Amino acid sequence: MTPQRILLVSAHPQPLADLLAGAGREFVRATATDAALAGHAAAPCALALIEEGAAIDGLALLRSLRACEPAPLCVLLLPAGAVARELEAWHAGVDDCLLAPIDPRLLACRIDRLLDACTARRRLEARCAELEEALRNAELLGAVLGHDLRNPLAAIATGAELLLRGPDAEGVRRTAERMRTSAQRMAGMIERLLELARMRAEAGRTRFERVDLGALAQRIADEFVRPEHAGRVELRRSGALDVDADAGALGQALSNLVGNALKHGDAGCRVVLEVDGRAADTLRIVVRNPGHVADAVAARVAEAFVRREGSQGVGLGLYIVNRVVALHGGRLSLESAAGAGTTATLVLPRRREAGVSESSDKALGTG
């Protein structure tokens, strides 16, 4: 439980602290206005109890505290007969005001009520923040899903055109297989969306399995069959390519990397997709293309909605890749230089370590 800090401003603050002592309460004591403001500035208090006296101008301190961010709730204790100052205090925004003589039990009760109000307000603010985050995630998830459905949908559309044009039985078989693979990927994305809803409700975990990264990379490379991409993806495989992974999420990351390289590289350039499993404990996925990304963009390219100038995309490709890599406990790097091209490198642990996996809502859009 977060301690409730109470600012006590009085010529004799200790009796007030003794009266209001309770579990989860901390007191900041001050005998002058400047000390009170300094104490609140150092660590904001939920409530300020001000007992006006010769050295303490309660109204002036009240106004100063009201100008603070965050401002505490304020209770003002006034000497007997200060009715005019009581009215002025209410106009100044005091949360409670008592005139001497003051019943200690009444004061304790009112302070309890105000602190309960502070707790309720904090909970409401936290809940509002959660709802705002959930709304942002929902909007981002919709954008991610729309972004990633485009590649497999394009593969299906292109395959349908090829089937209509060519009577070659073997060509029909290969095209139908690619269409089936793309349709399965789309179904997997939709299933991931449903999983996300279930996991939010059930606090589930992403499912890892043993994956043949070489076969997965081949399936992804085969999706880029549109005429403008034909023959442009070169797949290189080496070493042992078995890895503990979420196959759907990792496939989506590969598709985004290759798709970005084809889209943003030099016109007609070849894209190299290399999967390297020669190391004992890690695997490397490298995507190279001759294009160049400006340094200012490259530094933020893994953030959502960051796009290079003139791009027609929505700026989600490498954001998704970065989330998938984090999900697997790996790392992503991007290097780009004029004349040398752009290289995106993923390094993944071969074996899943305990505690690496995050809840699916931390890797929005994977699947």
Protein backbone atom coordinates (compact mmCIF):
# COMPACT_ATOMS: atom_id res chain seq x y z
CA MET A 1 0.00 0.00 0.00
CA THR A 2 1.34 3.45 -0.93
CA PRO A 3 1.82 5.58 2.21
CA GLN A 4 -0.44 8.61 2.55
CA ARG A 5 1.67 11.68 3.23
CA ILE A 6 0.10 14.35 5.43
CA LEU A 7 1.58 17.83 5.74
CA LEU A 8 1.12 19.20 9.26
CA VAL A 9 1.67 22.97 9.54
CA SER A 10 1.41 24.23 13.09
CA ALA A 11 3.40 25.90 15.85
CA HIS A 12 3.11 22.53 17.60
CA PRO A 13 2.60 19.80 14.93
CA GLN A 14 3.40 16.77 17.08
CA PRO A 15 0.00 16.66 18.92
CA LEU A 16 -1.72 16.64 15.50
CA ALA A 17 0.52 13.77 14.38
CA ASP A 18 -0.34 11.82 17.52
CA LEU A 19 -4.06 12.40 16.95
CA LEU A 20 -4.02 11.33 13.30
CA ALA A 21 -1.50 8.48 13.54
CA GLY A 22 -2.54 5.36 11.68
CA ALA A 23 -1.32 2.55 9.45
CA GLY A 24 0.02 3.71 6.11
CA ARG A 25 0.32 7.37 7.10
CA GLU A 26 3.46 9.49 6.99
CA PHE A 27 3.73 13.03 8.38
CA VAL A 28 5.71 16.00 7.15
CA ARG A 29 5.92 18.52 9.99
CA ALA A 30 6.48 22.24 9.49
CA THR A 31 6.28 25.23 11.82
CA ALA A 32 6.46 27.93 9.11
CA THR A 33 5.08 28.59 5.63
CA ASP A 34 8.40 28.28 3.76
CA ALA A 35 9.19 24.94 5.41
CA ALA A 36 5.71 23.66 4.55
CA LEU A 37 6.07 24.54 0.87
CA ALA A 38 9.56 23.04 0.74
CA GLY A 39 8.32 19.82 2.36
CA HIS A 40 5.50 19.46 -0.14
CA ALA A 41 7.79 20.23 -3.07
CA ALA A 42 10.28 17.57 -1.96
CA ALA A 43 7.60 14.86 -1.84
CA PRO A 44 3.98 15.82 -2.62
CA CYS A 45 1.50 15.25 0.18
CA ALA A 46 -2.04 13.99 -0.25
CA LEU A 47 -3.43 16.31 2.43
CA ALA A 48 -2.30 19.47 4.24
CA LEU A 49 -3.59 20.30 7.71
CA ILE A 50 -2.88 23.96 8.51
CA GLU A 51 -3.33 25.42 11.99
CA GLU A 52 -3.24 29.18 11.66
CA GLY A 53 -1.19 31.09 14.21
CA ALA A 54 1.06 34.10 14.68
CA ALA A 55 3.84 32.70 12.45
CA ILE A 56 1.52 30.95 9.99
CA ASP A 57 -0.77 32.79 7.57
CA GLY A 58 -3.16 29.96 6.77
CA LEU A 59 -4.86 31.65 3.82
CA ALA A 60 -1.59 32.60 2.12
CA LEU A 61 -0.27 29.05 2.54
CA LEU A 62 -3.58 27.65 1.27
CA ARG A 63 -3.33 29.68 -1.93
CA SER A 64 0.31 28.67 -2.42
CA LEU A 65 -0.50 24.99 -2.00
CA ARG A 66 -3.43 25.29 -4.42
CA ALA A 67 -0.97 26.50 -7.05
CA CYS A 68 1.22 23.40 -6.63
CA GLU A 69 1.12 20.44 -9.01
CA PRO A 70 -0.13 18.14 -7.66
CA ALA A 71 -2.09 20.15 -5.10
CA PRO A 72 -3.00 18.49 -1.81
CA LEU A 73 -6.41 18.55 -0.22
CA CYS A 74 -6.35 21.31 2.40
CA VAL A 75 -7.90 21.55 5.87
CA LEU A 76 -7.65 24.87 7.71
CA LEU A 77 -7.91 25.25 11.47
CA LEU A 78 -8.75 28.82 12.54
CA PRO A 79 -8.82 30.50 15.94
CA ALA A 80 -12.16 31.20 17.60
CA GLY A 81 -14.11 34.12 16.16
CA ALA A 82 -12.37 34.15 12.74
CA VAL A 83 -15.66 33.85 10.86
CA ALA A 84 -14.65 36.30 8.12
CA ARG A 85 -11.43 34.35 7.45
CA GLU A 86 -13.44 31.13 7.35
CA LEU A 87 -15.60 32.56 4.55
CA GLU A 88 -12.48 33.75 2.73
CA ALA A 89 -10.96 30.30 3.11
CA TRP A 90 -13.96 28.66 1.46
CA HIS A 91 -13.74 31.14 -1.40
CA ALA A 92 -10.03 30.27 -1.74
CA GLY A 93 -10.92 26.60 -2.25
CA VAL A 94 -10.29 25.00 1.13
CA ASP A 95 -11.55 21.41 1.38
CA ASP A 96 -12.56 21.71 5.04
CA CYS A 97 -12.39 24.46 7.63
CA LEU A 98 -12.85 24.30 11.39
CA LEU A 99 -13.04 27.05 14.01
CA ALA A 100 -11.65 26.67 17.53
CA PRO A 101 -12.52 25.11 19.88
CA ILE A 102 -12.06 21.95 17.82
CA ASP A 103 -13.29 18.52 18.90
CA PRO A 104 -10.33 16.15 18.29
CA ARG A 105 -12.69 13.28 17.42
CA LEU A 106 -14.47 15.41 14.81
CA LEU A 107 -11.15 16.50 13.32
CA ALA A 108 -9.89 12.89 13.12
CA CYS A 109 -13.14 11.79 11.49
CA ARG A 110 -12.98 14.53 8.86
CA ILE A 111 -9.37 13.77 8.07
CA ASP A 112 -10.25 10.08 7.66
CA ARG A 113 -12.98 11.01 5.19
CA LEU A 114 -10.69 13.22 3.16
CA LEU A 115 -7.97 10.60 3.02
CA ASP A 116 -10.53 8.06 1.83
CA ALA A 117 -11.42 10.54 -0.90
CA CYS A 118 -7.71 10.81 -1.82
CA THR A 119 -7.46 7.03 -2.11
CA ALA A 120 -10.59 6.85 -4.26
CA ARG A 121 -9.28 9.62 -6.50
CA ARG A 122 -5.94 7.83 -7.00
CA ARG A 123 -7.76 4.62 -7.92
CA LEU A 124 -9.97 6.48 -10.36
CA GLU A 125 -6.96 8.19 -11.96
CA ALA A 126 -5.15 4.85 -12.25
CA ARG A 127 -8.20 3.24 -13.81
CA CYS A 128 -8.57 6.10 -16.29
CA ALA A 129 -4.91 5.70 -17.23
CA GLU A 130 -5.44 1.96 -17.77
CA LEU A 131 -8.47 2.61 -19.97
CA GLU A 132 -6.58 5.20 -22.00
CA GLU A 133 -3.73 2.73 -22.49
CA ALA A 134 -6.19 -0.01 -23.46
CA LEU A 135 -7.78 2.33 -26.02
CA ARG A 136 -4.38 3.20 -27.50
CA ASN A 137 -3.49 -0.49 -27.65
CA ALA A 138 -6.80 -1.32 -29.34
CA GLU A 139 -6.24 1.37 -31.96
CA LEU A 140 -2.66 0.21 -32.48
CA LEU A 141 -3.76 -3.42 -32.70
CA GLY A 142 -6.25 -2.56 -35.43
CA ALA A 143 -3.57 -0.74 -37.38
CA VAL A 144 -1.08 -3.59 -36.89
CA LEU A 145 -3.56 -6.20 -38.04
CA GLY A 146 -4.53 -4.19 -41.11
CA HIS A 147 -0.84 -3.66 -41.93
CA ASP A 148 0.10 -7.32 -41.69
CA LEU A 149 -2.86 -8.74 -43.58
CA ARG A 150 -1.70 -7.02 -46.74
CA ASN A 151 1.20 -9.31 -47.69
CA PRO A 152 -0.64 -12.67 -47.46
CA LEU A 153 -3.74 -11.13 -49.04
CA ALA A 154 -1.64 -9.90 -51.96
CA ALA A 155 -0.16 -13.40 -52.33
CA ILE A 156 -3.64 -14.91 -52.52
CA ALA A 157 -4.80 -12.34 -55.06
CA THR A 158 -1.72 -12.87 -57.23
CA GLY A 159 -2.13 -16.64 -56.98
CA ALA A 160 -5.74 -16.40 -58.12
CA GLU A 161 -4.62 -14.42 -61.20
CA LEU A 162 -2.00 -17.05 -62.03
CA LEU A 163 -4.54 -19.84 -61.71
CA LEU A 164 -6.82 -18.08 -64.16
CA ARG A 165 -4.01 -17.56 -66.68
CA GLY A 166 -2.04 -20.79 -66.63
CA PRO A 167 -3.22 -24.33 -67.41
CA ASP A 168 0.06 -25.87 -66.23
CA ALA A 169 -0.83 -28.46 -63.56
CA GLU A 170 2.43 -28.16 -61.63
CA GLY A 171 2.19 -24.37 -61.67
CA VAL A 172 -1.36 -24.60 -60.42
CA ARG A 173 -0.25 -26.88 -57.58
CA ARG A 174 2.57 -24.54 -56.48
CA THR A 175 0.34 -21.49 -56.69
CA ALA A 176 -2.44 -23.21 -54.75
CA GLU A 177 0.07 -24.18 -52.04
CA ARG A 178 1.25 -20.60 -51.68
CA MET A 179 -2.34 -19.39 -51.51
CA ARG A 180 -3.07 -21.93 -48.81
CA THR A 181 -0.01 -20.87 -46.83
CA SER A 182 -0.96 -17.20 -47.08
CA ALA A 183 -4.56 -17.93 -46.09
CA GLN A 184 -3.29 -19.88 -43.09
CA ARG A 185 -1.16 -16.90 -42.06
CA MET A 186 -4.17 -14.61 -42.29
CA ALA A 187 -6.22 -17.05 -40.26
CA GLY A 188 -3.39 -17.15 -37.74
CA MET A 189 -3.46 -13.36 -37.37
CA ILE A 190 -7.19 -13.42 -36.74
CA GLU A 191 -6.75 -16.25 -34.28
CA ARG A 192 -4.02 -14.21 -32.54
CA LEU A 193 -6.45 -11.35 -32.18
CA LEU A 194 -8.92 -13.69 -30.51
CA GLU A 195 -6.13 -15.08 -28.35
CA LEU A 196 -5.25 -11.57 -27.26
CA ALA A 197 -8.78 -11.04 -25.96
CA ARG A 198 -8.70 -14.38 -24.17
CA MET A 199 -5.26 -13.79 -22.69
CA ARG A 200 -6.23 -10.37 -21.36
CA ALA A 201 -9.09 -12.05 -19.55
CA GLU A 202 -7.18 -15.15 -18.46
CA ALA A 203 -3.67 -13.67 -18.03
CA GLY A 204 -2.45 -16.39 -20.42
CA ARG A 205 1.00 -16.73 -21.88
CA THR A 206 2.31 -16.86 -25.43
CA ARG A 207 2.84 -20.43 -26.66
CA PHE A 208 6.36 -21.43 -27.63
CA GLU A 209 7.27 -24.54 -29.61
CA ARG A 210 10.21 -26.04 -31.48
CA VAL A 211 10.37 -24.31 -34.87
CA ASP A 212 12.42 -25.02 -38.00
CA LEU A 213 13.51 -21.48 -38.81
CA GLY A 214 14.78 -22.47 -42.26
CA ALA A 215 11.40 -23.88 -43.31
CA LEU A 216 9.62 -20.88 -41.83
CA ALA A 217 11.88 -18.47 -43.73
CA GLN A 218 11.23 -20.39 -46.98
CA ARG A 219 7.46 -20.11 -46.52
CA ILE A 220 7.72 -16.37 -45.90
CA ALA A 221 10.01 -15.83 -48.91
CA ASP A 222 7.55 -17.74 -51.10
CA GLU A 223 4.78 -15.31 -50.19
CA PHE A 224 6.40 -12.50 -52.15
CA VAL A 225 5.24 -13.67 -55.55
CA ARG A 226 3.74 -10.51 -56.98
CA PRO A 227 5.26 -9.58 -60.35
CA GLU A 228 7.18 -6.62 -58.93
CA HIS A 229 8.75 -8.91 -56.30
CA ALA A 230 9.39 -11.99 -58.45
CA GLY A 231 12.95 -13.24 -58.13
CA ARG A 232 13.99 -10.45 -55.78
CA VAL A 233 14.15 -12.42 -52.51
CA GLU A 234 17.27 -14.55 -52.05
CA LEU A 235 17.15 -16.96 -49.10
CA ARG A 236 20.39 -18.21 -47.55
CA ARG A 237 20.43 -20.85 -44.83
CA SER A 238 23.28 -22.23 -42.78
CA GLY A 239 23.75 -24.25 -39.63
CA ALA A 240 21.16 -25.84 -37.35
CA LEU A 241 17.99 -23.75 -37.54
CA ASP A 242 15.86 -25.20 -34.74
CA VAL A 243 14.67 -22.60 -32.22
CA ASP A 244 12.16 -22.23 -29.40
CA ALA A 245 9.69 -19.68 -30.77
CA ASP A 246 6.15 -18.58 -31.35
CA ALA A 247 6.00 -19.58 -35.02
CA GLY A 248 3.21 -17.17 -35.95
CA ALA A 249 4.85 -14.18 -34.32
CA LEU A 250 8.29 -14.97 -35.74
CA GLY A 251 6.83 -15.50 -39.21
CA GLN A 252 5.17 -12.13 -38.99
CA ALA A 253 8.48 -10.50 -38.05
CA LEU A 254 10.23 -12.09 -41.04
CA SER A 255 7.43 -11.02 -43.37
CA ASN A 256 7.66 -7.44 -42.13
CA LEU A 257 11.45 -7.33 -42.54
CA VAL A 258 11.39 -8.67 -46.09
CA GLY A 259 8.37 -6.57 -47.04
CA ASN A 260 10.02 -3.40 -45.76
CA ALA A 261 13.26 -4.20 -47.59
CA LEU A 262 11.40 -4.75 -50.88
CA LYS A 263 9.26 -1.66 -50.44
CA HIS A 264 11.91 0.80 -49.28
CA GLY A 265 14.99 -0.55 -51.06
CA ASP A 266 16.23 0.65 -54.43
CA ALA A 267 13.80 -0.08 -57.26
CA GLY A 268 14.16 -3.65 -58.51
CA CYS A 269 16.91 -4.48 -56.01
CA ARG A 270 17.45 -7.95 -54.61
CA VAL A 271 16.81 -8.57 -50.93
CA VAL A 272 18.86 -11.14 -49.06
CA LEU A 273 17.18 -13.05 -46.24
CA GLU A 274 19.80 -14.97 -44.30
CA VAL A 275 19.13 -17.32 -41.40
CA ASP A 276 22.29 -18.41 -39.64
CA GLY A 277 22.27 -21.18 -37.05
CA ARG A 278 25.99 -21.90 -36.78
CA ALA A 279 26.27 -20.56 -33.22
CA ALA A 280 25.48 -22.93 -30.39
CA ASP A 281 23.18 -20.72 -28.33
CA THR A 282 21.80 -18.11 -30.73
CA LEU A 283 20.43 -17.70 -34.24
CA ARG A 284 20.83 -14.69 -36.49
CA ILE A 285 18.30 -13.43 -39.00
CA VAL A 286 19.73 -10.84 -41.38
CA VAL A 287 17.85 -8.93 -44.08
CA ARG A 288 19.93 -6.80 -46.47
CA ASN A 289 18.93 -4.45 -49.26
CA PRO A 290 20.74 -1.65 -51.17
CA GLY A 291 18.44 1.11 -49.90
CA HIS A 292 19.37 3.79 -47.37
CA VAL A 293 17.50 5.03 -44.30
CA ALA A 294 18.35 8.48 -42.91
CA ASP A 295 20.03 8.40 -39.49
CA ALA A 296 17.23 10.40 -37.84
CA VAL A 297 14.65 7.87 -39.03
CA ALA A 298 16.81 4.80 -38.36
CA ALA A 299 17.21 5.83 -34.71
CA ARG A 300 13.42 5.75 -34.21
CA VAL A 301 12.37 3.24 -36.84
CA ALA A 302 11.30 0.62 -34.27
CA GLU A 303 8.75 3.04 -32.78
CA ALA A 304 5.12 2.84 -33.85
CA PHE A 305 4.03 5.07 -36.76
CA VAL A 306 7.56 6.35 -37.54
CA ARG A 307 7.99 6.52 -41.33
CA ARG A 308 10.63 7.77 -43.70
CA GLU A 309 9.74 10.79 -45.79
CA GLY A 310 7.56 9.91 -48.78
CA SER A 311 6.62 6.47 -47.43
CA GLN A 312 3.10 5.27 -48.15
CA GLY A 313 3.15 2.83 -45.24
CA VAL A 314 1.80 3.35 -41.75
CA GLY A 315 5.14 2.96 -39.96
CA LEU A 316 4.40 -0.30 -38.12
CA GLY A 317 6.65 -2.90 -39.77
CA LEU A 318 9.75 -2.61 -37.59
CA TYR A 319 7.69 -1.71 -34.54
CA ILE A 320 6.07 -5.14 -34.82
CA VAL A 321 9.44 -6.79 -35.41
CA ASN A 322 10.85 -5.10 -32.31
CA ARG A 323 7.96 -6.32 -30.16
CA VAL A 324 8.31 -9.88 -31.48
CA VAL A 325 12.05 -9.85 -30.81
CA ALA A 326 11.43 -8.62 -27.25
CA LEU A 327 8.87 -11.39 -26.82
CA HIS A 328 11.57 -13.94 -27.67
CA GLY A 329 14.25 -12.36 -25.48
CA GLY A 330 16.33 -11.30 -28.48
CA ARG A 331 17.56 -8.02 -29.90
CA LEU A 332 17.10 -6.04 -33.10
CA SER A 333 19.65 -3.73 -34.74
CA LEU A 334 19.46 -1.62 -37.90
CA GLU A 335 22.47 -0.29 -39.79
CA SER A 336 22.20 1.92 -42.86
CA ALA A 337 24.70 3.92 -44.86
CA ALA A 338 24.54 5.58 -48.26
CA GLY A 339 26.19 3.33 -50.82
CA ALA A 340 26.41 0.39 -48.43
CA GLY A 341 22.69 -0.33 -48.06
CA THR A 342 20.60 -1.26 -45.05
CA THR A 343 20.97 -4.31 -42.81
CA ALA A 344 18.45 -5.40 -40.19
CA THR A 345 19.73 -8.06 -37.79
CA LEU A 346 17.76 -10.16 -35.33
CA VAL A 347 19.60 -12.23 -32.74
CA LEU A 348 17.44 -14.80 -30.98
CA PRO A 349 18.29 -17.25 -28.18
CA ARG A 350 18.06 -20.83 -29.42
CA ARG A 351 16.41 -22.02 -26.23
CA ARG A 352 13.67 -20.26 -24.39
CA GLU A 353 14.75 -19.10 -20.95
CA ALA A 354 12.35 -19.07 -18.02
CA GLY A 355 10.61 -15.72 -17.65
CA VAL A 356 11.43 -14.50 -21.18
CA SER A 357 7.90 -14.72 -22.54
CA GLU A 358 5.61 -11.80 -21.99
CA SER A 359 1.84 -11.72 -22.08
CA SER A 360 0.51 -11.47 -25.64
CA ASP A 361 -0.81 -7.95 -25.17
CA LYS A 362 2.82 -6.84 -24.84
CA ALA A 363 3.47 -7.92 -28.43
CA LEU A 364 0.48 -6.41 -30.14
CA GLY A 365 -0.38 -7.79 -33.49
CA THR A 366 1.82 -10.84 -33.46
CA GLY A 367 0.56 -13.91 -35.20
